[in-house]
Protein backbone atom coordinates (compact mmCIF):
# COMPACT_ATOMS: atom_id res chain seq x y z
CA MET A 1 94.25 129.23 81.17
CA LEU A 2 93.70 132.09 78.59
CA PRO A 3 96.78 133.77 77.34
CA ILE A 4 97.39 137.46 78.36
CA HIS A 5 97.95 138.55 74.89
CA LEU A 6 94.20 137.66 73.91
CA PHE A 7 93.09 140.26 76.45
CA ARG A 8 95.35 143.00 75.12
CA GLN A 9 94.45 142.11 71.30
CA ASN A 10 90.52 141.65 71.61
CA LYS A 11 88.97 142.60 74.86
CA GLU A 12 85.50 142.34 73.15
CA LEU A 13 86.11 138.79 71.86
CA VAL A 14 86.98 137.71 75.39
CA LEU A 15 83.80 139.43 76.90
CA GLU A 16 81.52 137.90 74.29
CA GLY A 17 83.00 134.35 74.89
CA LEU A 18 82.62 134.61 78.60
CA LYS A 19 79.05 135.90 78.27
CA LYS A 20 78.19 132.91 76.16
CA LYS A 21 79.77 130.63 78.86
CA ASN A 22 77.36 132.39 81.23
CA PHE A 23 80.38 133.59 83.26
CA LYS A 24 79.27 136.50 85.81
CA GLU A 25 82.48 138.04 86.98
CA LEU A 26 83.01 140.17 83.72
CA GLU A 27 84.90 142.83 85.78
CA LEU A 28 87.89 140.49 85.77
CA VAL A 29 88.74 141.18 82.37
CA ASP A 30 89.31 145.06 83.09
CA LYS A 31 91.33 143.94 86.22
CA ILE A 32 93.45 141.69 84.35
CA LEU A 33 94.15 144.35 81.89
CA SER A 34 94.90 146.94 84.47
CA VAL A 35 97.20 144.59 86.48
CA ASP A 36 98.91 143.60 83.19
CA GLU A 37 99.47 147.34 82.34
CA ARG A 38 101.00 148.10 85.62
CA ARG A 39 103.13 144.89 85.45
CA ARG A 40 104.53 145.83 82.03
CA ALA A 41 105.22 149.46 83.05
CA LEU A 42 107.06 148.12 86.09
CA GLN A 43 109.08 145.61 83.79
CA VAL A 44 110.16 148.39 81.52
CA GLU A 45 111.58 150.36 84.67
CA ASN A 46 113.08 147.20 85.96
CA ASP A 47 114.76 146.55 82.59
CA SER A 48 116.08 150.27 82.59
CA ILE A 49 117.55 149.84 85.82
CA ALA A 50 119.28 146.71 84.90
CA ALA A 51 120.80 148.26 81.82
CA SER A 52 122.09 151.24 84.03
CA LEU A 53 123.57 148.97 86.38
CA ASN A 54 125.35 147.20 83.71
CA THR A 55 126.72 150.49 82.31
CA ALA A 56 127.69 151.53 85.78
CA ALA A 57 129.76 148.25 86.38
CA LYS A 58 131.72 149.06 83.14
CA SER A 59 132.23 152.68 84.36
CA ILE A 60 133.52 151.60 87.73
CA GLY A 61 135.97 149.46 86.06
CA GLN A 62 137.14 152.16 83.72
CA LEU A 63 137.52 154.83 86.57
CA MET A 64 139.36 152.53 88.76
CA ALA A 65 141.84 151.77 85.94
CA LYS A 66 142.31 155.52 85.49
CA GLY A 67 142.98 155.76 89.32
CA ASP A 68 139.81 157.89 89.85
CA LYS A 69 138.75 156.28 92.98
CA ALA A 70 136.54 159.28 93.95
CA GLY A 71 134.58 159.00 90.86
CA ALA A 72 134.37 155.25 91.18
CA GLU A 73 132.92 155.78 94.72
CA THR A 74 130.26 158.22 93.47
CA VAL A 75 129.04 155.68 90.82
CA LYS A 76 129.16 153.06 93.58
CA GLU A 77 126.80 155.00 95.68
CA THR A 78 124.42 155.47 92.75
CA VAL A 79 124.63 151.70 92.14
CA GLY A 80 123.78 151.01 95.67
CA ARG A 81 120.48 153.24 95.38
CA GLN A 82 119.71 151.62 92.06
CA LYS A 83 120.08 148.04 93.58
CA ASP A 84 117.71 149.02 96.42
CA GLN A 85 115.27 150.42 93.76
CA ALA A 86 115.69 147.24 91.63
CA LYS A 87 114.89 145.06 94.82
CA GLU A 88 111.91 146.91 95.70
CA ILE A 89 110.57 146.69 91.93
CA ALA A 90 111.38 142.96 91.85
CA GLN A 91 109.00 142.44 94.91
CA ASN A 92 106.26 144.68 93.29
CA LEU A 93 106.46 142.70 89.95
CA ALA A 94 106.33 139.34 91.84
CA GLU A 95 103.01 140.66 93.71
CA LEU A 96 101.70 141.78 90.32
CA GLU A 97 102.50 138.55 88.74
CA ALA A 98 100.65 136.71 91.55
CA GLU A 99 97.70 139.07 91.16
CA LEU A 100 97.58 138.39 87.61
CA GLN A 101 97.79 134.68 87.91
CA ASP A 102 95.16 134.45 90.54
CA ALA A 103 92.85 136.51 88.26
CA LEU A 104 93.42 134.57 85.01
CA VAL A 105 92.79 131.00 86.70
CA ARG A 106 89.47 132.14 87.73
CA LEU A 107 88.22 132.64 83.96
CA PRO A 108 86.81 129.68 82.00
CA ASN A 109 87.93 128.80 78.46
CA LEU A 110 86.22 130.66 75.72
CA PRO A 111 83.81 128.80 73.54
CA HIS A 112 84.34 127.87 69.91
CA SER A 113 82.22 129.95 67.59
CA SER A 114 80.02 126.96 66.85
CA VAL A 115 79.00 126.73 70.42
CA PRO A 116 75.33 127.78 70.74
CA PHE A 117 74.02 130.38 73.23
CA GLY A 118 72.20 128.92 76.24
CA LYS A 119 72.26 128.38 80.07
CA THR A 120 70.70 124.93 80.57
CA PRO A 121 70.86 121.41 79.00
CA GLU A 122 67.43 121.92 77.49
CA GLU A 123 69.25 124.52 75.12
CA ASN A 124 71.80 122.10 73.86
CA GLU A 125 71.75 121.19 70.13
CA ILE A 126 70.92 117.68 68.98
CA VAL A 127 73.38 116.91 66.27
CA ARG A 128 72.15 113.56 65.34
CA GLN A 129 70.14 110.55 66.71
CA ALA A 130 70.33 106.87 65.75
CA GLY A 131 69.71 103.37 66.81
CA ASP A 132 66.42 101.39 67.23
CA MET A 133 64.37 102.16 70.47
CA PRO A 134 63.58 98.85 72.52
CA ASP A 135 60.24 97.70 72.64
CA LEU A 136 59.78 96.35 76.10
CA SER A 137 56.85 94.64 77.86
CA ALA A 138 54.79 96.26 80.44
CA GLN A 139 56.67 94.21 83.02
CA LYS A 140 59.96 95.89 82.10
CA LEU A 141 62.21 96.61 85.10
CA PRO A 142 64.70 99.46 85.87
CA HIS A 143 68.30 98.46 86.18
CA TRP A 144 68.39 98.70 89.98
CA ASP A 145 65.52 96.02 90.04
CA LEU A 146 67.23 93.84 87.47
CA ALA A 147 70.62 94.21 89.46
CA THR A 148 68.85 92.82 92.56
CA LYS A 149 66.94 90.14 90.61
CA TYR A 150 69.93 88.52 89.04
CA GLY A 151 72.35 89.28 91.97
CA LEU A 152 74.58 91.81 89.89
CA ILE A 153 74.82 94.76 92.11
CA ASP A 154 74.19 95.29 96.01
CA PHE A 155 73.78 99.05 96.51
CA GLU A 156 73.11 98.63 100.28
CA LEU A 157 76.15 96.71 100.86
CA GLY A 158 78.09 99.57 99.44
CA ASN A 159 76.28 101.77 101.70
CA LYS A 160 77.36 99.66 104.58
CA VAL A 161 81.15 99.56 103.78
CA THR A 162 81.52 103.33 102.44
CA GLY A 163 78.40 105.15 102.09
CA SER A 164 75.73 105.93 99.43
CA GLY A 165 76.91 106.09 95.93
CA PHE A 166 79.28 103.29 96.34
CA PRO A 167 77.85 100.25 94.81
CA VAL A 168 79.32 96.78 95.11
CA PHE A 169 79.33 94.58 91.82
CA MET A 170 79.33 90.98 92.46
CA GLY A 171 79.10 87.77 90.17
CA GLN A 172 77.94 88.28 86.91
CA GLY A 173 77.67 92.12 87.37
CA ALA A 174 81.62 92.08 88.25
CA ARG A 175 82.17 90.01 85.15
CA LEU A 176 80.19 92.32 83.07
CA GLN A 177 82.04 95.39 84.50
CA ARG A 178 85.46 93.79 83.63
CA ALA A 179 84.18 92.64 80.20
CA LEU A 180 83.24 96.41 79.35
CA ILE A 181 86.49 97.64 80.53
CA ASN A 182 88.47 95.11 78.35
CA TYR A 183 86.34 95.67 75.38
CA PHE A 184 86.74 99.46 75.65
CA LEU A 185 90.38 99.30 76.02
CA ASN A 186 90.83 96.96 73.01
CA TYR A 187 88.68 99.09 71.11
CA ASN A 188 90.70 102.12 71.65
CA ILE A 189 94.10 100.28 71.22
CA ASP A 190 93.01 98.84 67.86
CA ALA A 191 92.25 102.55 66.73
CA GLY A 192 95.86 103.64 67.65
CA TYR A 193 95.56 104.64 71.16
CA LYS A 194 98.50 103.78 73.49
CA GLU A 195 97.18 102.25 76.70
CA PHE A 196 98.45 103.69 80.25
CA CYS A 197 97.67 102.75 83.61
CA PRO A 198 98.04 105.98 85.59
CA PRO A 199 97.89 106.82 89.26
CA PHE A 200 94.46 107.27 90.75
CA MET A 201 95.48 110.22 92.91
CA VAL A 202 97.19 113.36 91.67
CA ASN A 203 99.01 116.15 93.17
CA GLU A 204 97.70 119.79 93.22
CA ALA A 205 99.74 120.80 90.21
CA SER A 206 98.22 117.94 88.24
CA ALA A 207 94.57 119.06 89.29
CA TYR A 208 95.57 122.61 88.39
CA GLY A 209 96.78 121.82 84.93
CA THR A 210 93.73 120.30 83.68
CA GLY A 211 91.48 122.78 85.24
CA GLN A 212 89.97 121.00 87.98
CA LEU A 213 91.60 123.57 90.39
CA PRO A 214 90.51 126.13 91.25
CA ASP A 215 87.25 125.37 89.74
CA LYS A 216 86.11 121.99 91.01
CA GLU A 217 87.91 121.56 94.41
CA GLY A 218 84.54 121.04 95.90
CA GLN A 219 83.75 118.04 93.80
CA MET A 220 87.00 116.23 94.38
CA TYR A 221 87.87 113.94 97.37
CA HIS A 222 90.94 115.55 99.04
CA VAL A 223 93.46 113.33 100.97
CA THR A 224 94.50 116.25 103.23
CA LEU A 225 97.58 114.86 104.91
CA ASP A 226 99.37 114.38 101.79
CA GLY A 227 97.77 117.05 99.53
CA PHE A 228 96.62 114.54 97.00
CA TYR A 229 93.30 114.37 95.05
CA LEU A 230 91.38 111.15 94.00
CA ILE A 231 90.97 111.48 90.35
CA PRO A 232 87.52 112.58 88.90
CA THR A 233 88.53 111.03 85.51
CA ALA A 234 91.75 109.50 84.00
CA GLU A 235 91.91 112.53 81.76
CA VAL A 236 93.79 114.19 84.85
CA PRO A 237 96.78 112.03 85.45
CA VAL A 238 97.10 111.10 81.59
CA THR A 239 97.20 114.62 80.25
CA ASN A 240 99.62 115.45 82.85
CA LEU A 241 101.83 112.88 81.74
CA TYR A 242 103.21 115.48 79.39
CA ARG A 243 103.34 118.53 81.61
CA ASP A 244 106.49 120.55 81.09
CA THR A 245 107.41 118.86 78.06
CA ILE A 246 108.35 119.76 74.38
CA ILE A 247 107.02 116.93 72.12
CA PRO A 248 108.90 116.33 68.93
CA GLU A 249 106.67 117.46 65.88
CA GLN A 250 106.84 114.03 64.26
CA GLU A 251 105.21 112.43 67.46
CA LEU A 252 102.01 114.37 67.11
CA PRO A 253 99.25 113.66 67.54
CA VAL A 254 99.80 111.78 70.69
CA LYS A 255 97.08 109.23 71.24
CA MET A 256 96.31 107.90 74.72
CA THR A 257 93.88 105.62 76.64
CA ALA A 258 93.50 104.61 80.15
CA TYR A 259 91.09 102.71 82.40
CA SER A 260 90.50 104.05 85.94
CA PRO A 261 87.94 104.42 88.80
CA CYS A 262 86.81 107.90 89.12
CA PHE A 263 85.82 109.62 92.41
CA ARG A 264 83.30 112.38 92.47
CA ARG A 265 81.77 114.01 95.41
CA GLU A 266 78.52 115.19 93.31
CA ALA A 267 77.60 117.58 96.10
CA GLY A 268 73.95 118.42 95.96
CA SER A 269 72.80 115.51 93.88
CA TYR A 270 69.44 114.04 94.93
CA GLY A 271 66.19 112.58 93.67
CA LYS A 272 65.36 110.34 90.96
CA ASP A 273 68.53 111.40 89.08
CA VAL A 274 70.74 109.54 91.45
CA ARG A 275 68.84 106.21 91.63
CA GLY A 276 70.82 103.15 91.09
CA LEU A 277 73.92 103.63 88.78
CA ASN A 278 72.43 107.02 87.35
CA ARG A 279 74.77 109.17 89.63
CA VAL A 280 77.44 107.53 91.91
CA HIS A 281 80.64 108.73 93.78
CA GLN A 282 82.88 106.01 92.49
CA PHE A 283 82.53 104.43 89.04
CA ASP A 284 84.72 102.84 86.16
CA LYS A 285 85.62 104.69 82.97
CA VAL A 286 87.92 104.28 80.02
CA GLU A 287 89.31 107.42 78.75
CA VAL A 288 90.78 108.54 75.45
CA VAL A 289 93.06 111.76 75.34
CA GLN A 290 94.94 113.44 72.46
CA LEU A 291 97.46 116.12 72.02
CA ALA A 292 97.46 117.63 68.58
CA LYS A 293 98.64 120.56 66.46
CA PRO A 294 96.29 123.53 66.73
CA GLU A 295 95.69 123.52 63.11
CA ASN A 296 94.33 119.82 63.26
CA SER A 297 92.61 119.86 66.57
CA TYR A 298 88.94 120.33 65.30
CA ASP A 299 89.46 117.26 62.75
CA THR A 300 90.84 115.34 65.63
CA LEU A 301 87.74 116.16 67.64
CA GLU A 302 85.41 115.04 64.94
CA GLY A 303 87.38 111.86 64.60
CA MET A 304 86.97 111.15 68.38
CA VAL A 305 83.26 111.62 68.10
CA LEU A 306 83.03 109.29 65.30
CA HIS A 307 85.12 106.73 67.46
CA VAL A 308 82.91 106.91 70.34
CA GLU A 309 79.79 106.86 68.03
CA GLN A 310 80.94 103.58 66.56
CA LEU A 311 81.76 102.10 69.90
CA LEU A 312 77.96 102.73 70.93
CA GLN A 313 76.73 101.13 67.83
CA SER A 314 78.73 98.18 68.47
CA LEU A 315 76.82 97.65 71.68
CA GLY A 316 73.35 98.25 69.87
CA LEU A 317 72.39 101.04 71.99
CA PRO A 318 70.04 103.93 70.78
CA TYR A 319 72.00 107.14 71.27
CA ARG A 320 71.99 110.87 70.30
CA ILE A 321 74.73 113.34 70.22
CA LEU A 322 74.32 116.81 71.68
CA ARG A 323 76.56 119.95 70.88
CA LEU A 324 76.51 121.62 74.33
CA CYS A 325 75.46 125.30 74.80
CA GLY A 326 77.83 127.72 76.49
CA GLY A 327 76.17 127.72 79.88
CA ASP A 328 76.28 123.79 79.94
CA MET A 329 79.96 123.31 79.27
CA SER A 330 82.76 122.66 81.51
CA PHE A 331 85.04 125.33 82.80
CA ALA A 332 88.04 124.23 80.57
CA SER A 333 86.17 123.18 77.45
CA ALA A 334 86.02 125.07 74.01
CA LEU A 335 83.50 122.70 72.39
CA THR A 336 82.00 119.58 73.78
CA TYR A 337 79.91 116.84 72.27
CA ASP A 338 77.69 114.92 74.79
CA PHE A 339 76.45 111.21 74.00
CA GLU A 340 73.38 110.06 75.47
CA VAL A 341 71.85 106.55 75.39
CA TYR A 342 68.23 105.76 75.88
CA SER A 343 67.07 104.12 78.99
CA ALA A 344 64.04 102.00 77.89
CA ALA A 345 62.93 101.27 81.45
CA GLN A 346 63.23 104.66 82.89
CA GLU A 347 62.18 106.05 79.55
CA ARG A 348 64.89 108.91 79.64
CA TRP A 349 68.19 109.76 78.04
CA LEU A 350 71.25 109.28 80.05
CA GLU A 351 74.63 110.80 79.29
CA VAL A 352 77.59 108.30 78.98
CA SER A 353 80.23 110.30 77.36
CA SER A 354 81.60 113.91 76.76
CA VAL A 355 84.18 114.51 74.02
CA SER A 356 85.81 117.97 74.27
CA ASN A 357 88.37 120.08 72.69
CA PHE A 358 90.21 122.26 75.52
CA GLU A 359 92.44 123.90 72.80
CA THR A 360 95.25 125.55 74.69
CA PHE A 361 93.55 126.07 77.98
CA GLN A 362 94.94 123.03 79.79
CA THR A 363 98.26 123.07 77.83
CA ASN A 364 99.05 126.73 78.68
CA ARG A 365 98.65 125.65 82.35
CA MET A 366 100.91 122.55 81.89
CA LYS A 367 103.14 124.10 79.39
CA VAL A 368 102.79 121.12 76.86
CA ARG A 369 104.53 122.38 73.75
CA TYR A 370 106.10 121.29 70.37
CA LYS A 371 108.63 122.87 67.91
CA ASP A 372 107.30 123.44 64.45
CA GLY A 373 109.34 123.03 61.12
CA ALA A 374 110.51 126.46 61.61
CA GLY A 375 111.98 125.74 65.24
CA LYS A 376 109.26 127.98 66.83
CA THR A 377 107.78 126.58 70.11
CA GLN A 378 103.99 126.30 69.99
CA THR A 379 101.53 125.20 72.44
CA VAL A 380 99.68 121.92 71.46
CA HIS A 381 95.82 121.52 71.74
CA SER A 382 94.40 118.79 74.23
CA LEU A 383 91.24 116.76 73.72
CA ASN A 384 89.63 114.04 75.74
CA GLY A 385 86.36 111.82 75.73
CA SER A 386 84.88 109.04 77.47
CA SER A 387 85.09 105.87 75.82
CA LEU A 388 83.22 105.03 77.83
CA ALA A 389 81.82 105.67 81.31
CA LEU A 390 80.38 102.45 82.50
CA PRO A 391 77.69 103.00 85.06
CA ARG A 392 74.90 104.34 82.77
CA ILE A 393 76.10 102.04 79.88
CA MET A 394 75.54 99.06 82.24
CA ALA A 395 72.04 100.50 83.26
CA CYS A 396 70.93 100.85 79.67
CA LEU A 397 72.49 97.47 78.59
CA LEU A 398 70.61 95.74 81.39
CA GLU A 399 67.38 97.60 80.91
CA ASN A 400 67.28 97.61 76.97
CA ASN A 401 68.23 93.95 76.77
CA GLN A 402 65.85 92.49 79.38
CA THR A 403 63.80 89.47 78.09
CA PRO A 404 61.67 86.90 80.26
CA GLU A 405 64.47 84.47 79.87
CA GLY A 406 67.28 86.86 81.06
CA ILE A 407 69.37 89.82 79.87
CA LYS A 408 70.97 89.43 76.29
CA ILE A 409 74.63 90.15 75.97
CA PRO A 410 75.52 92.19 72.89
CA ALA A 411 77.52 90.21 70.23
CA ALA A 412 80.56 92.48 70.52
CA LEU A 413 80.77 91.66 74.34
CA GLN A 414 80.01 88.05 74.34
CA ALA A 415 83.62 86.95 73.84
CA TYR A 416 84.66 89.13 76.90
CA PHE A 417 81.82 88.16 78.93
CA GLY A 418 81.99 84.35 78.12
CA LYS A 419 78.21 84.06 77.81
CA GLU A 420 75.20 85.08 75.57
CA MET A 421 72.90 85.83 78.31
CA ILE A 422 72.70 86.61 82.05
CA SER A 423 70.05 84.39 83.69
């Protein structure tokens, strides 16, 4: 959530950032300023009455000590009227606070100055591209056919048990999933991330804290009886572990990693983009999250990008890194880098990770803070990234490593998978 002082100090900066994010309800900025002005004026009046009541209380005591009961009663009558007035003001203040909060939570985060203008994925900037493109035979198969050929995934069985978008991994397919999860977790742990196994459902406060509510409620599965949400990413429960916490300065940065299944409704998805593992409603992902000092967070972001890049390099997958344009960024992000790997059989790029800096957007909501050397309470910056999401990684591993003899397993994974080849 954007801090209110930003609107007062630099309205034009806010408007410019919202336009870059392709946000349409720009009239909310003036509404926020208007409500805030009324709220502050009412707060001044409330403070004045409170001071007057304090003075009156002392005056009553002094009058009673002098035996001036009539004078004390007159002051008491004034106090009664002021208390009624203060009660009304308090109610109006609460209403204005709620109105201000409702408006603020509808605004996305402002983009970093390096974010390019643009509305569509085609306008994202390619930062760099690396890795060798596989040279496959004309008989190359997409991953959904390879999964059937080698008995790795049953998409129809998942449809029977749950519905479309819930694949069943089996045999060597399930084994490869487990190998990828263990490899990704160990890779992150070796880089200094502490492993967590969080709940896979969260309450409304947690979903609000990381910005899924009120922006993405339609994309989450809601357990209505209990008011819980199935998590769309481990970012949600992991970041909320520090909600309402003041972190000791010497513990920053906080580095966390977690595996979780992820649940996304993906409403409106259809066509070739959802074939096989390209877009599913339940998938596995390993996440990295950091909480950092504001002055260090963009160096931290670059370090996380390098971390994910080296992980992709270890898998031997061709990849490219994109800096997302304003219109393609998430609601909460200030700057996002997307990683895409090349699917040789489908002959297209598939997104496998997003690494983002949210600055104080999430931590303002969650009240995650630290005290600096001067003893002043500061809000930390939150960052997260996929390290990595499994479905499209598996799709590209299967497609890019297919041979007439079977599917080669990258050297980095062989100790986890236990074999060099799926055959």
